[in-house]
Protein backbone atom coordinates (compact mmCIF):
# COMPACT_ATOMS: atom_id res chain seq x y z
CA UNK A 1 0.00 0.00 0.00
CA UNK A 2 3.00 2.32 0.07
CA UNK A 3 2.49 3.74 -3.41
CA UNK A 4 -1.05 3.15 -4.62
CA UNK A 5 -1.97 4.15 -8.17
CA UNK A 6 -5.60 4.86 -9.03
CA UNK A 7 -6.20 4.74 -12.77
CA UNK A 8 -7.83 7.52 -14.73
CA UNK A 9 -7.61 7.27 -18.49
CA UNK A 10 -8.25 10.99 -18.96
CA UNK A 11 -5.27 11.81 -16.73
CA UNK A 12 -2.93 9.82 -19.00
CA UNK A 13 -2.92 12.69 -21.52
CA UNK A 14 -3.78 10.57 -24.53
CA UNK A 15 -1.24 7.86 -23.75
CA UNK A 16 -2.14 4.21 -23.42
CA UNK A 17 -3.29 3.61 -19.85
CA UNK A 18 -1.74 0.14 -19.70
CA UNK A 19 1.63 1.55 -20.74
CA UNK A 20 1.34 4.25 -18.05
CA UNK A 21 0.49 1.67 -15.39
CA UNK A 22 3.34 -0.66 -16.34
CA UNK A 23 5.86 2.19 -16.35
CA UNK A 24 4.59 3.25 -12.92
CA UNK A 25 4.87 -0.28 -11.56
CA UNK A 26 8.42 -0.55 -12.87
CA UNK A 27 9.12 2.70 -11.01
CA UNK A 28 7.81 1.44 -7.68
CA UNK A 29 4.00 1.43 -7.54
CA UNK A 30 2.92 -1.30 -5.11
CA UNK A 31 -0.85 -1.47 -5.70
CA UNK A 32 -3.16 -0.49 -8.58
CA UNK A 33 -6.85 0.35 -8.40
CA UNK A 34 -8.83 0.10 -11.63
CA UNK A 35 -11.44 2.84 -11.43
CA UNK A 36 -14.03 2.81 -14.20
CA UNK A 37 -17.22 4.76 -13.58
CA UNK A 38 -18.75 4.54 -17.05
CA UNK A 39 -17.79 1.21 -18.63
CA UNK A 40 -20.43 -1.45 -19.14
CA UNK A 41 -19.91 -4.62 -17.10
CA UNK A 42 -18.47 -6.81 -19.85
CA UNK A 43 -16.01 -4.14 -20.97
CA UNK A 44 -15.00 -3.51 -17.35
CA UNK A 45 -14.32 -7.22 -16.80
CA UNK A 46 -12.25 -7.45 -19.98
CA UNK A 47 -10.20 -4.42 -18.98
CA UNK A 48 -9.75 -5.80 -15.46
CA UNK A 49 -8.52 -9.16 -16.77
CA UNK A 50 -6.01 -7.41 -19.01
CA UNK A 51 -4.80 -5.28 -16.10
CA UNK A 52 -4.48 -8.31 -13.83
CA UNK A 53 -2.38 -10.09 -16.47
CA UNK A 54 -0.16 -7.03 -16.77
CA UNK A 55 0.38 -6.75 -13.01
CA UNK A 56 0.83 -10.46 -12.22
CA UNK A 57 4.53 -10.72 -13.22
CA UNK A 58 5.31 -7.81 -10.90
CA UNK A 59 3.33 -9.27 -7.96
CA UNK A 60 1.33 -6.05 -7.71
CA UNK A 61 -2.26 -6.53 -6.50
CA UNK A 62 -5.18 -5.30 -8.56
CA UNK A 63 -7.98 -3.55 -6.68
CA UNK A 64 -11.34 -2.90 -8.32
CA UNK A 65 -13.29 0.22 -7.46
CA UNK A 66 -16.83 -0.48 -6.21
CA UNK A 67 -17.64 -3.58 -8.28
CA UNK A 68 -17.60 -6.87 -6.40
CA UNK A 69 -18.90 -8.69 -9.49
CA UNK A 70 -15.85 -7.55 -11.45
CA UNK A 71 -13.53 -8.61 -8.60
CA UNK A 72 -15.00 -12.11 -8.68
CA UNK A 73 -15.12 -12.33 -12.49
CA UNK A 74 -11.43 -11.53 -12.98
CA UNK A 75 -10.18 -12.81 -9.59
CA UNK A 76 -8.73 -9.43 -8.67
CA UNK A 77 -6.97 -9.23 -5.33
CA UNK A 78 -9.48 -6.89 -3.75
CA UNK A 79 -12.11 -4.17 -3.82
CA UNK A 80 -12.25 -0.54 -2.76
CA UNK A 81 -15.60 0.92 -1.74
CA UNK A 82 -16.97 4.21 -0.52
CA UNK A 83 -19.41 4.79 2.30
CA UNK A 84 -22.41 4.82 -0.06
CA UNK A 85 -21.44 1.60 -1.86
CA UNK A 86 -22.15 -2.01 -0.89
CA UNK A 87 -22.21 -2.46 2.92
CA UNK A 88 -19.21 -4.01 4.63
CA UNK A 89 -21.24 -6.94 6.01
CA UNK A 90 -22.28 -7.91 2.48
CA UNK A 91 -18.71 -7.59 1.24
CA UNK A 92 -17.53 -10.07 3.84
CA UNK A 93 -20.25 -12.52 2.79
CA UNK A 94 -19.50 -12.21 -0.92
CA UNK A 95 -15.70 -12.16 -0.97
CA UNK A 96 -13.25 -14.92 -0.04
CA UNK A 97 -11.38 -14.24 3.20
CA UNK A 98 -8.06 -13.53 1.48
CA UNK A 99 -9.41 -10.63 -0.60
CA UNK A 100 -8.29 -7.08 0.16
CA UNK A 101 -11.00 -4.70 1.36
CA UNK A 102 -10.36 -0.98 1.33
CA UNK A 103 -12.86 1.62 2.53
CA UNK A 104 -12.94 5.39 2.06
CA UNK A 105 -13.43 7.53 5.16
CA UNK A 106 -14.49 11.14 4.67
CA UNK A 107 -15.32 12.25 8.21
CA UNK A 108 -14.80 11.35 11.86
CA UNK A 109 -17.98 9.28 12.03
CA UNK A 110 -16.66 7.06 9.22
CA UNK A 111 -13.37 6.57 11.05
CA UNK A 112 -15.05 5.48 14.26
CA UNK A 113 -17.52 3.19 12.49
CA UNK A 114 -14.65 1.49 10.69
CA UNK A 115 -13.15 0.41 14.02
CA UNK A 116 -15.66 -2.45 14.11
CA UNK A 117 -14.59 -3.70 10.66
CA UNK A 118 -11.82 -6.04 9.56
CA UNK A 119 -10.40 -3.89 6.77
CA UNK A 120 -7.13 -4.24 4.90
CA UNK A 121 -6.78 -0.47 4.80
CA UNK A 122 -8.70 2.74 5.33
CA UNK A 123 -8.47 5.50 2.72
CA UNK A 124 -8.46 8.98 4.26
CA UNK A 125 -10.22 10.99 1.58
CA UNK A 126 -9.58 13.63 0.49
CA UNK A 127 -6.43 14.76 2.27
CA UNK A 128 -6.34 17.91 0.13
CA UNK A 129 -8.76 19.40 -2.38
CA UNK A 130 -8.40 17.96 -5.89
CA UNK A 131 -10.07 18.32 -9.27
CA UNK A 132 -10.45 14.54 -9.66
CA UNK A 133 -12.58 14.19 -6.52
CA UNK A 134 -15.13 16.97 -6.29
CA UNK A 135 -18.03 15.10 -4.66
CA UNK A 136 -16.42 14.54 -1.29
CA UNK A 137 -16.38 16.15 2.13
CA UNK A 138 -14.06 18.87 3.34
CA UNK A 139 -10.37 17.92 3.04
CA UNK A 140 -8.83 16.36 6.14
CA UNK A 141 -5.55 18.26 6.00
CA UNK A 142 -2.54 17.27 8.08
CA UNK A 143 -4.21 17.99 11.42
CA UNK A 144 -7.14 15.81 10.41
CA UNK A 145 -4.75 13.05 9.40
CA UNK A 146 -3.11 13.20 12.82
CA UNK A 147 -6.55 12.78 14.43
CA UNK A 148 -7.31 9.78 12.23
CA UNK A 149 -4.00 8.15 13.14
CA UNK A 150 -4.80 8.55 16.83
CA UNK A 151 -8.29 7.03 16.47
CA UNK A 152 -7.87 4.29 13.87
CA UNK A 153 -6.39 0.81 14.17
CA UNK A 154 -6.20 0.37 10.40
CA UNK A 155 -3.35 0.94 7.95
CA UNK A 156 -4.01 4.36 6.40
CA UNK A 157 -3.77 5.37 2.77
CA UNK A 158 -4.23 9.06 1.99
CA UNK A 159 -5.71 10.24 -1.29
CA UNK A 160 -6.44 13.66 -2.74
CA UNK A 161 -3.83 16.14 -3.88
CA UNK A 162 -0.77 14.04 -2.98
CA UNK A 163 2.41 14.94 -4.82
CA UNK A 164 6.18 15.24 -4.43
CA UNK A 165 5.80 18.34 -2.22
CA UNK A 166 3.54 16.89 0.48
CA UNK A 167 4.18 13.13 0.49
CA UNK A 168 6.85 13.27 3.21
CA UNK A 169 4.58 15.26 5.52
CA UNK A 170 1.72 12.83 4.96
CA UNK A 171 3.89 9.88 5.95
CA UNK A 172 5.29 11.74 8.97
CA UNK A 173 1.77 12.51 10.14
CA UNK A 174 0.47 8.96 10.07
CA UNK A 175 -0.06 7.74 6.50
CA UNK A 176 1.16 4.23 5.73
CA UNK A 177 0.87 4.92 2.03
CA UNK A 178 -0.26 7.47 -0.53
CA UNK A 179 -2.71 7.04 -3.38
CA UNK A 180 -2.25 9.18 -6.47
CA UNK A 181 -3.78 9.71 -9.88
CA UNK A 182 -2.38 12.69 -11.76
CA UNK A 183 0.96 12.79 -9.92
CA UNK A 184 1.86 9.65 -11.89
CA UNK A 185 -0.67 9.33 -14.73
CA UNK A 186 -0.06 12.89 -15.95
CA UNK A 187 3.69 12.92 -15.36
CA UNK A 188 6.00 13.20 -18.36
CA UNK A 189 7.62 9.97 -17.17
CA UNK A 190 5.32 7.78 -15.04
CA UNK A 191 8.35 5.62 -14.24
CA UNK A 192 10.42 8.51 -12.87
CA UNK A 193 7.45 10.00 -11.02
CA UNK A 194 6.73 6.70 -9.29
CA UNK A 195 10.40 6.15 -8.49
CA UNK A 196 10.69 9.58 -6.88
CA UNK A 197 7.50 9.26 -4.83
CA UNK A 198 8.50 5.79 -3.65
CA UNK A 199 11.86 7.14 -2.48
CA UNK A 200 10.12 9.88 -0.49
CA UNK A 201 7.93 7.30 1.23
CA UNK A 202 10.59 4.78 2.17
CA UNK A 203 13.26 7.29 3.22
CA UNK A 204 11.46 8.36 6.37
C-alpha atoms as a PDB file:
ATOM      1  CA  UNK A   1       0.000   0.000   0.000  1.00  0.00           C
ATOM      2  CA  UNK A   2       3.003   2.316   0.068  1.00  0.00           C
ATOM      3  CA  UNK A   3       2.489   3.743  -3.406  1.00  0.00           C
ATOM      4  CA  UNK A   4      -1.051   3.151  -4.616  1.00  0.00           C
ATOM      5  CA  UNK A   5      -1.969   4.150  -8.172  1.00  0.00           C
ATOM      6  CA  UNK A   6      -5.597   4.859  -9.031  1.00  0.00           C
ATOM      7  CA  UNK A   7      -6.203   4.738 -12.767  1.00  0.00           C
ATOM      8  CA  UNK A   8      -7.832   7.520 -14.728  1.00  0.00           C
ATOM      9  CA  UNK A   9      -7.607   7.268 -18.486  1.00  0.00           C
ATOM     10  CA  UNK A  10      -8.251  10.988 -18.956  1.00  0.00           C
ATOM     11  CA  UNK A  11      -5.269  11.815 -16.727  1.00  0.00           C
ATOM     12  CA  UNK A  12      -2.935   9.818 -18.997  1.00  0.00           C
ATOM     13  CA  UNK A  13      -2.915  12.688 -21.518  1.00  0.00           C
ATOM     14  CA  UNK A  14      -3.776  10.575 -24.530  1.00  0.00           C
ATOM     15  CA  UNK A  15      -1.241   7.865 -23.754  1.00  0.00           C
ATOM     16  CA  UNK A  16      -2.145   4.206 -23.424  1.00  0.00           C
ATOM     17  CA  UNK A  17      -3.295   3.610 -19.846  1.00  0.00           C
ATOM     18  CA  UNK A  18      -1.742   0.140 -19.698  1.00  0.00           C
ATOM     19  CA  UNK A  19       1.628   1.552 -20.736  1.00  0.00           C
ATOM     20  CA  UNK A  20       1.342   4.252 -18.050  1.00  0.00           C
ATOM     21  CA  UNK A  21       0.494   1.666 -15.388  1.00  0.00           C
ATOM     22  CA  UNK A  22       3.337  -0.657 -16.343  1.00  0.00           C
ATOM     23  CA  UNK A  23       5.858   2.189 -16.348  1.00  0.00           C
ATOM     24  CA  UNK A  24       4.586   3.245 -12.918  1.00  0.00           C
ATOM     25  CA  UNK A  25       4.869  -0.283 -11.561  1.00  0.00           C
ATOM     26  CA  UNK A  26       8.419  -0.546 -12.874  1.00  0.00           C
ATOM     27  CA  UNK A  27       9.124   2.699 -11.010  1.00  0.00           C
ATOM     28  CA  UNK A  28       7.805   1.441  -7.681  1.00  0.00           C
ATOM     29  CA  UNK A  29       3.996   1.426  -7.536  1.00  0.00           C
ATOM     30  CA  UNK A  30       2.924  -1.295  -5.110  1.00  0.00           C
ATOM     31  CA  UNK A  31      -0.847  -1.469  -5.700  1.00  0.00           C
ATOM     32  CA  UNK A  32      -3.161  -0.494  -8.577  1.00  0.00           C
ATOM     33  CA  UNK A  33      -6.847   0.353  -8.403  1.00  0.00           C
ATOM     34  CA  UNK A  34      -8.829   0.102 -11.629  1.00  0.00           C
ATOM     35  CA  UNK A  35     -11.438   2.836 -11.428  1.00  0.00           C
ATOM     36  CA  UNK A  36     -14.033   2.806 -14.200  1.00  0.00           C
ATOM     37  CA  UNK A  37     -17.220   4.760 -13.580  1.00  0.00           C
ATOM     38  CA  UNK A  38     -18.749   4.543 -17.053  1.00  0.00           C
ATOM     39  CA  UNK A  39     -17.788   1.209 -18.630  1.00  0.00           C
ATOM     40  CA  UNK A  40     -20.430  -1.453 -19.141  1.00  0.00           C
ATOM     41  CA  UNK A  41     -19.905  -4.618 -17.104  1.00  0.00           C
ATOM     42  CA  UNK A  42     -18.469  -6.813 -19.853  1.00  0.00           C
ATOM     43  CA  UNK A  43     -16.014  -4.137 -20.973  1.00  0.00           C
ATOM     44  CA  UNK A  44     -15.003  -3.507 -17.352  1.00  0.00           C
ATOM     45  CA  UNK A  45     -14.322  -7.220 -16.804  1.00  0.00           C
ATOM     46  CA  UNK A  46     -12.249  -7.454 -19.976  1.00  0.00           C
ATOM     47  CA  UNK A  47     -10.204  -4.423 -18.979  1.00  0.00           C
ATOM     48  CA  UNK A  48      -9.749  -5.800 -15.463  1.00  0.00           C
ATOM     49  CA  UNK A  49      -8.522  -9.157 -16.775  1.00  0.00           C
ATOM     50  CA  UNK A  50      -6.011  -7.413 -19.013  1.00  0.00           C
ATOM     51  CA  UNK A  51      -4.804  -5.279 -16.103  1.00  0.00           C
ATOM     52  CA  UNK A  52      -4.479  -8.313 -13.828  1.00  0.00           C
ATOM     53  CA  UNK A  53      -2.381 -10.090 -16.474  1.00  0.00           C
ATOM     54  CA  UNK A  54      -0.158  -7.032 -16.773  1.00  0.00           C
ATOM     55  CA  UNK A  55       0.377  -6.752 -13.005  1.00  0.00           C
ATOM     56  CA  UNK A  56       0.833 -10.456 -12.216  1.00  0.00           C
ATOM     57  CA  UNK A  57       4.529 -10.715 -13.221  1.00  0.00           C
ATOM     58  CA  UNK A  58       5.309  -7.807 -10.899  1.00  0.00           C
ATOM     59  CA  UNK A  59       3.335  -9.269  -7.955  1.00  0.00           C
ATOM     60  CA  UNK A  60       1.333  -6.053  -7.714  1.00  0.00           C
ATOM     61  CA  UNK A  61      -2.257  -6.532  -6.495  1.00  0.00           C
ATOM     62  CA  UNK A  62      -5.179  -5.301  -8.561  1.00  0.00           C
ATOM     63  CA  UNK A  63      -7.980  -3.552  -6.680  1.00  0.00           C
ATOM     64  CA  UNK A  64     -11.337  -2.901  -8.324  1.00  0.00           C
ATOM     65  CA  UNK A  65     -13.287   0.221  -7.458  1.00  0.00           C
ATOM     66  CA  UNK A  66     -16.832  -0.485  -6.210  1.00  0.00           C
ATOM     67  CA  UNK A  67     -17.643  -3.578  -8.285  1.00  0.00           C
ATOM     68  CA  UNK A  68     -17.605  -6.865  -6.399  1.00  0.00           C
ATOM     69  CA  UNK A  69     -18.904  -8.686  -9.485  1.00  0.00           C
ATOM     70  CA  UNK A  70     -15.849  -7.552 -11.449  1.00  0.00           C
ATOM     71  CA  UNK A  71     -13.534  -8.609  -8.602  1.00  0.00           C
ATOM     72  CA  UNK A  72     -14.997 -12.112  -8.683  1.00  0.00           C
ATOM     73  CA  UNK A  73     -15.120 -12.329 -12.487  1.00  0.00           C
ATOM     74  CA  UNK A  74     -11.428 -11.526 -12.976  1.00  0.00           C
ATOM     75  CA  UNK A  75     -10.183 -12.811  -9.594  1.00  0.00           C
ATOM     76  CA  UNK A  76      -8.731  -9.434  -8.669  1.00  0.00           C
ATOM     77  CA  UNK A  77      -6.969  -9.230  -5.327  1.00  0.00           C
ATOM     78  CA  UNK A  78      -9.482  -6.893  -3.754  1.00  0.00           C
ATOM     79  CA  UNK A  79     -12.108  -4.175  -3.823  1.00  0.00           C
ATOM     80  CA  UNK A  80     -12.253  -0.543  -2.763  1.00  0.00           C
ATOM     81  CA  UNK A  81     -15.598   0.920  -1.736  1.00  0.00           C
ATOM     82  CA  UNK A  82     -16.973   4.212  -0.522  1.00  0.00           C
ATOM     83  CA  UNK A  83     -19.410   4.789   2.299  1.00  0.00           C
ATOM     84  CA  UNK A  84     -22.411   4.822  -0.060  1.00  0.00           C
ATOM     85  CA  UNK A  85     -21.442   1.602  -1.861  1.00  0.00           C
ATOM     86  CA  UNK A  86     -22.147  -2.011  -0.894  1.00  0.00           C
ATOM     87  CA  UNK A  87     -22.208  -2.459   2.925  1.00  0.00           C
ATOM     88  CA  UNK A  88     -19.205  -4.011   4.633  1.00  0.00           C
ATOM     89  CA  UNK A  89     -21.244  -6.944   6.009  1.00  0.00           C
ATOM     90  CA  UNK A  90     -22.275  -7.914   2.481  1.00  0.00           C
ATOM     91  CA  UNK A  91     -18.706  -7.589   1.235  1.00  0.00           C
ATOM     92  CA  UNK A  92     -17.529 -10.071   3.843  1.00  0.00           C
ATOM     93  CA  UNK A  93     -20.246 -12.519   2.785  1.00  0.00           C
ATOM     94  CA  UNK A  94     -19.501 -12.214  -0.922  1.00  0.00           C
ATOM     95  CA  UNK A  95     -15.703 -12.162  -0.975  1.00  0.00           C
ATOM     96  CA  UNK A  96     -13.250 -14.925  -0.036  1.00  0.00           C
ATOM     97  CA  UNK A  97     -11.379 -14.243   3.199  1.00  0.00           C
ATOM     98  CA  UNK A  98      -8.064 -13.534   1.477  1.00  0.00           C
ATOM     99  CA  UNK A  99      -9.411 -10.627  -0.598  1.00  0.00           C
ATOM    100  CA  UNK A 100      -8.293  -7.080   0.159  1.00  0.00           C
ATOM    101  CA  UNK A 101     -11.000  -4.702   1.358  1.00  0.00           C
ATOM    102  CA  UNK A 102     -10.362  -0.977   1.335  1.00  0.00           C
ATOM    103  CA  UNK A 103     -12.858   1.619   2.533  1.00  0.00           C
ATOM    104  CA  UNK A 104     -12.939   5.386   2.058  1.00  0.00           C
ATOM    105  CA  UNK A 105     -13.435   7.534   5.156  1.00  0.00           C
ATOM    106  CA  UNK A 106     -14.494  11.143   4.669  1.00  0.00           C
ATOM    107  CA  UNK A 107     -15.323  12.254   8.211  1.00  0.00           C
ATOM    108  CA  UNK A 108     -14.800  11.349  11.860  1.00  0.00           C
ATOM    109  CA  UNK A 109     -17.975   9.283  12.033  1.00  0.00           C
ATOM    110  CA  UNK A 110     -16.663   7.062   9.223  1.00  0.00           C
ATOM    111  CA  UNK A 111     -13.369   6.573  11.047  1.00  0.00           C
ATOM    112  CA  UNK A 112     -15.051   5.484  14.264  1.00  0.00           C
ATOM    113  CA  UNK A 113     -17.519   3.188  12.488  1.00  0.00           C
ATOM    114  CA  UNK A 114     -14.646   1.492  10.690  1.00  0.00           C
ATOM    115  CA  UNK A 115     -13.148   0.412  14.017  1.00  0.00           C
ATOM    116  CA  UNK A 116     -15.661  -2.453  14.107  1.00  0.00           C
ATOM    117  CA  UNK A 117     -14.592  -3.702  10.657  1.00  0.00           C
ATOM    118  CA  UNK A 118     -11.820  -6.042   9.557  1.00  0.00           C
ATOM    119  CA  UNK A 119     -10.400  -3.887   6.770  1.00  0.00           C
ATOM    120  CA  UNK A 120      -7.126  -4.238   4.904  1.00  0.00           C
ATOM    121  CA  UNK A 121      -6.777  -0.467   4.799  1.00  0.00           C
ATOM    122  CA  UNK A 122      -8.697   2.744   5.331  1.00  0.00           C
ATOM    123  CA  UNK A 123      -8.469   5.503   2.716  1.00  0.00           C
ATOM    124  CA  UNK A 124      -8.455   8.975   4.263  1.00  0.00           C
ATOM    125  CA  UNK A 125     -10.222  10.985   1.577  1.00  0.00           C
ATOM    126  CA  UNK A 126      -9.584  13.625   0.495  1.00  0.00           C
ATOM    127  CA  UNK A 127      -6.434  14.759   2.267  1.00  0.00           C
ATOM    128  CA  UNK A 128      -6.336  17.909   0.134  1.00  0.00           C
ATOM    129  CA  UNK A 129      -8.765  19.396  -2.379  1.00  0.00           C
ATOM    130  CA  UNK A 130      -8.399  17.964  -5.888  1.00  0.00           C
ATOM    131  CA  UNK A 131     -10.068  18.319  -9.267  1.00  0.00           C
ATOM    132  CA  UNK A 132     -10.454  14.539  -9.656  1.00  0.00           C
ATOM    133  CA  UNK A 133     -12.579  14.185  -6.520  1.00  0.00           C
ATOM    134  CA  UNK A 134     -15.135  16.967  -6.294  1.00  0.00           C
ATOM    135  CA  UNK A 135     -18.027  15.097  -4.663  1.00  0.00           C
ATOM    136  CA  UNK A 136     -16.419  14.539  -1.290  1.00  0.00           C
ATOM    137  CA  UNK A 137     -16.381  16.150   2.128  1.00  0.00           C
ATOM    138  CA  UNK A 138     -14.059  18.867   3.343  1.00  0.00           C
ATOM    139  CA  UNK A 139     -10.368  17.920   3.042  1.00  0.00           C
ATOM    140  CA  UNK A 140      -8.831  16.365   6.141  1.00  0.00           C
ATOM    141  CA  UNK A 141      -5.549  18.260   6.001  1.00  0.00           C
ATOM    142  CA  UNK A 142      -2.543  17.265   8.080  1.00  0.00           C
ATOM    143  CA  UNK A 143      -4.214  17.987  11.418  1.00  0.00           C
ATOM    144  CA  UNK A 144      -7.136  15.811  10.414  1.00  0.00           C
ATOM    145  CA  UNK A 145      -4.753  13.045   9.398  1.00  0.00           C
ATOM    146  CA  UNK A 146      -3.105  13.201  12.823  1.00  0.00           C
ATOM    147  CA  UNK A 147      -6.546  12.782  14.426  1.00  0.00           C
ATOM    148  CA  UNK A 148      -7.309   9.778  12.228  1.00  0.00           C
ATOM    149  CA  UNK A 149      -4.002   8.149  13.139  1.00  0.00           C
ATOM    150  CA  UNK A 150      -4.801   8.551  16.826  1.00  0.00           C
ATOM    151  CA  UNK A 151      -8.287   7.034  16.466  1.00  0.00           C
ATOM    152  CA  UNK A 152      -7.870   4.288  13.874  1.00  0.00           C
ATOM    153  CA  UNK A 153      -6.391   0.806  14.167  1.00  0.00           C
ATOM    154  CA  UNK A 154      -6.203   0.367  10.397  1.00  0.00           C
ATOM    155  CA  UNK A 155      -3.354   0.942   7.953  1.00  0.00           C
ATOM    156  CA  UNK A 156      -4.010   4.356   6.405  1.00  0.00           C
ATOM    157  CA  UNK A 157      -3.769   5.368   2.768  1.00  0.00           C
ATOM    158  CA  UNK A 158      -4.231   9.058   1.990  1.00  0.00           C
ATOM    159  CA  UNK A 159      -5.707  10.244  -1.293  1.00  0.00           C
ATOM    160  CA  UNK A 160      -6.442  13.658  -2.739  1.00  0.00           C
ATOM    161  CA  UNK A 161      -3.828  16.143  -3.879  1.00  0.00           C
ATOM    162  CA  UNK A 162      -0.775  14.038  -2.978  1.00  0.00           C
ATOM    163  CA  UNK A 163       2.413  14.936  -4.819  1.00  0.00           C
ATOM    164  CA  UNK A 164       6.184  15.243  -4.428  1.00  0.00           C
ATOM    165  CA  UNK A 165       5.797  18.335  -2.216  1.00  0.00           C
ATOM    166  CA  UNK A 166       3.536  16.892   0.483  1.00  0.00           C
ATOM    167  CA  UNK A 167       4.184  13.128   0.492  1.00  0.00           C
ATOM    168  CA  UNK A 168       6.846  13.266   3.207  1.00  0.00           C
ATOM    169  CA  UNK A 169       4.581  15.259   5.524  1.00  0.00           C
ATOM    170  CA  UNK A 170       1.721  12.825   4.959  1.00  0.00           C
ATOM    171  CA  UNK A 171       3.892   9.876   5.954  1.00  0.00           C
ATOM    172  CA  UNK A 172       5.294  11.736   8.968  1.00  0.00           C
ATOM    173  CA  UNK A 173       1.767  12.512  10.142  1.00  0.00           C
ATOM    174  CA  UNK A 174       0.471   8.959  10.067  1.00  0.00           C
ATOM    175  CA  UNK A 175      -0.058   7.744   6.500  1.00  0.00           C
ATOM    176  CA  UNK A 176       1.165   4.230   5.734  1.00  0.00           C
ATOM    177  CA  UNK A 177       0.874   4.924   2.033  1.00  0.00           C
ATOM    178  CA  UNK A 178      -0.259   7.471  -0.527  1.00  0.00           C
ATOM    179  CA  UNK A 179      -2.715   7.043  -3.378  1.00  0.00           C
ATOM    180  CA  UNK A 180      -2.255   9.179  -6.471  1.00  0.00           C
ATOM    181  CA  UNK A 181      -3.777   9.708  -9.877  1.00  0.00           C
ATOM    182  CA  UNK A 182      -2.381  12.691 -11.756  1.00  0.00           C
ATOM    183  CA  UNK A 183       0.961  12.786  -9.919  1.00  0.00           C
ATOM    184  CA  UNK A 184       1.860   9.654 -11.887  1.00  0.00           C
ATOM    185  CA  UNK A 185      -0.675   9.334 -14.729  1.00  0.00           C
ATOM    186  CA  UNK A 186      -0.057  12.888 -15.948  1.00  0.00           C
ATOM    187  CA  UNK A 187       3.694  12.918 -15.360  1.00  0.00           C
ATOM    188  CA  UNK A 188       6.001  13.196 -18.358  1.00  0.00           C
ATOM    189  CA  UNK A 189       7.620   9.973 -17.165  1.00  0.00           C
ATOM    190  CA  UNK A 190       5.316   7.783 -15.039  1.00  0.00           C
ATOM    191  CA  UNK A 191       8.350   5.623 -14.243  1.00  0.00           C
ATOM    192  CA  UNK A 192      10.421   8.507 -12.874  1.00  0.00           C
ATOM    193  CA  UNK A 193       7.455  10.004 -11.019  1.00  0.00           C
ATOM    194  CA  UNK A 194       6.731   6.700  -9.289  1.00  0.00           C
ATOM    195  CA  UNK A 195      10.400   6.150  -8.493  1.00  0.00           C
ATOM    196  CA  UNK A 196      10.695   9.582  -6.881  1.00  0.00           C
ATOM    197  CA  UNK A 197       7.498   9.264  -4.835  1.00  0.00           C
ATOM    198  CA  UNK A 198       8.502   5.791  -3.648  1.00  0.00           C
ATOM    199  CA  UNK A 199      11.862   7.137  -2.476  1.00  0.00           C
ATOM    200  CA  UNK A 200      10.121   9.882  -0.489  1.00  0.00           C
ATOM    201  CA  UNK A 201       7.930   7.301   1.231  1.00  0.00           C
ATOM    202  CA  UNK A 202      10.594   4.780   2.172  1.00  0.00           C
ATOM    203  CA  UNK A 203      13.262   7.286   3.221  1.00  0.00           C
ATOM    204  CA  UNK A 204      11.460   8.364   6.372  1.00  0.00           C
END
